[in-house]
Amino acid sequence: MLEDVFRAKYPSVRGANVVVDRMTGWPKGYGFVRFGDLNEQARAMTEMNGMLLSTRQMRIGAAVNKKNRDAQ
């Protein structure tokens, strides 16, 4: 569903995944969308922030690599 919603507006979407709890199989409430075009990615981050996906409001931000985040 996540990929379909983004791909409908942004053709450069290369893939998307929702993170799932290994124990329960339920979504954890966040996911990632990969883009082929950085301009389209920036536009999507602005335009899709606050939009509803099913019943949940999306909060969009850039992903941060764990190695870089932990070093700070």
C-alpha atoms as a PDB file:
ATOM      1  CA  MET A   1       0.000   0.000   0.000  1.00  0.00           C
ATOM      2  CA  LEU A   2       2.794   2.460   0.901  1.00  0.00           C
ATOM      3  CA  GLU A   3       4.551   1.992  -2.425  1.00  0.00           C
ATOM      4  CA  ASP A   4       1.295   2.283  -4.389  1.00  0.00           C
ATOM      5  CA  VAL A   5       0.383   5.595  -2.744  1.00  0.00           C
ATOM      6  CA  PHE A   6       3.780   7.158  -3.454  1.00  0.00           C
ATOM      7  CA  ARG A   7       4.198   5.667  -6.942  1.00  0.00           C
ATOM      8  CA  ALA A   8       0.822   7.118  -8.005  1.00  0.00           C
ATOM      9  CA  LYS A   9       2.231  10.657  -7.570  1.00  0.00           C
ATOM     10  CA  TYR A  10       5.978  10.121  -7.994  1.00  0.00           C
ATOM     11  CA  PRO A  11       7.090   7.883 -10.890  1.00  0.00           C
ATOM     12  CA  SER A  12      10.715   7.717  -9.723  1.00  0.00           C
ATOM     13  CA  VAL A  13       9.774   5.556  -6.687  1.00  0.00           C
ATOM     14  CA  ARG A  14      12.078   2.532  -6.748  1.00  0.00           C
ATOM     15  CA  GLY A  15      10.492   0.640  -3.857  1.00  0.00           C
ATOM     16  CA  ALA A  16       9.014   0.893  -0.389  1.00  0.00           C
ATOM     17  CA  ASN A  17       8.728  -1.248   2.694  1.00  0.00           C
ATOM     18  CA  VAL A  18       6.869  -1.116   5.988  1.00  0.00           C
ATOM     19  CA  VAL A  19       8.819  -2.387   9.000  1.00  0.00           C
ATOM     20  CA  VAL A  20       7.082  -5.349  10.676  1.00  0.00           C
ATOM     21  CA  ASP A  21       7.495  -6.697  14.217  1.00  0.00           C
ATOM     22  CA  ARG A  22       9.126 -10.132  13.920  1.00  0.00           C
ATOM     23  CA  MET A  23       7.239 -11.560  16.894  1.00  0.00           C
ATOM     24  CA  THR A  24       3.713 -10.401  16.061  1.00  0.00           C
ATOM     25  CA  GLY A  25       3.875  -9.841  12.313  1.00  0.00           C
ATOM     26  CA  TRP A  26       2.164  -6.473  12.813  1.00  0.00           C
ATOM     27  CA  PRO A  27       3.503  -3.253  11.251  1.00  0.00           C
ATOM     28  CA  LYS A  28       5.592  -1.142  13.634  1.00  0.00           C
ATOM     29  CA  GLY A  29       4.129   2.085  12.256  1.00  0.00           C
ATOM     30  CA  TYR A  30       6.958   3.265  10.035  1.00  0.00           C
ATOM     31  CA  GLY A  31       8.457   2.489   6.684  1.00  0.00           C
ATOM     32  CA  PHE A  32      10.827   3.619   3.972  1.00  0.00           C
ATOM     33  CA  VAL A  33      10.363   4.780   0.378  1.00  0.00           C
ATOM     34  CA  ARG A  34      13.264   4.804  -2.106  1.00  0.00           C
ATOM     35  CA  PHE A  35      13.367   7.313  -4.956  1.00  0.00           C
ATOM     36  CA  GLY A  36      15.384   7.451  -8.166  1.00  0.00           C
ATOM     37  CA  ASP A  37      15.151  11.249  -8.402  1.00  0.00           C
ATOM     38  CA  LEU A  38      16.326  13.490  -5.539  1.00  0.00           C
ATOM     39  CA  ASN A  39      14.143  16.415  -6.640  1.00  0.00           C
ATOM     40  CA  GLU A  40      11.079  14.199  -6.610  1.00  0.00           C
ATOM     41  CA  GLN A  41      12.110  12.834  -3.214  1.00  0.00           C
ATOM     42  CA  ALA A  42      12.318  16.353  -1.766  1.00  0.00           C
ATOM     43  CA  ARG A  43       8.955  17.252  -3.268  1.00  0.00           C
ATOM     44  CA  ALA A  44       7.358  14.091  -1.850  1.00  0.00           C
ATOM     45  CA  MET A  45       8.738  14.806   1.611  1.00  0.00           C
ATOM     46  CA  THR A  46       6.975  18.170   1.583  1.00  0.00           C
ATOM     47  CA  GLU A  47       3.770  17.209  -0.203  1.00  0.00           C
ATOM     48  CA  MET A  48       3.091  13.897   1.560  1.00  0.00           C
ATOM     49  CA  ASN A  49       3.898  15.041   5.098  1.00  0.00           C
ATOM     50  CA  GLY A  50       0.665  15.024   7.084  1.00  0.00           C
ATOM     51  CA  MET A  51      -1.303  13.041   4.485  1.00  0.00           C
ATOM     52  CA  LEU A  52      -3.336  10.013   5.569  1.00  0.00           C
ATOM     53  CA  LEU A  53      -2.275   6.483   4.676  1.00  0.00           C
ATOM     54  CA  SER A  54      -5.286   4.350   5.516  1.00  0.00           C
ATOM     55  CA  THR A  55      -6.141   5.740   8.974  1.00  0.00           C
ATOM     56  CA  ARG A  56      -2.664   6.967   9.958  1.00  0.00           C
ATOM     57  CA  GLN A  57      -1.220  10.418   9.374  1.00  0.00           C
ATOM     58  CA  MET A  58       2.233  10.246   7.817  1.00  0.00           C
ATOM     59  CA  ARG A  59       5.161  12.124   9.317  1.00  0.00           C
ATOM     60  CA  ILE A  60       7.853  12.287   6.664  1.00  0.00           C
ATOM     61  CA  GLY A  61      11.556  12.722   7.320  1.00  0.00           C
ATOM     62  CA  ALA A  62      14.840  11.700   5.774  1.00  0.00           C
ATOM     63  CA  ALA A  63      16.207   8.343   6.898  1.00  0.00           C
ATOM     64  CA  VAL A  64      19.417   8.490   8.915  1.00  0.00           C
ATOM     65  CA  ASN A  65      21.943   5.668   8.723  1.00  0.00           C
ATOM     66  CA  LYS A  66      22.319   3.960  12.138  1.00  0.00           C
ATOM     67  CA  LYS A  67      26.112   4.305  12.019  1.00  0.00           C
ATOM     68  CA  ASN A  68      25.861   8.068  11.472  1.00  0.00           C
ATOM     69  CA  ARG A  69      23.112   8.498  14.088  1.00  0.00           C
ATOM     70  CA  ASP A  70      25.008   6.580  16.802  1.00  0.00           C
ATOM     71  CA  ALA A  71      28.234   8.523  16.164  1.00  0.00           C
ATOM     72  CA  GLN A  72      26.592  11.831  17.084  1.00  0.00           C
END
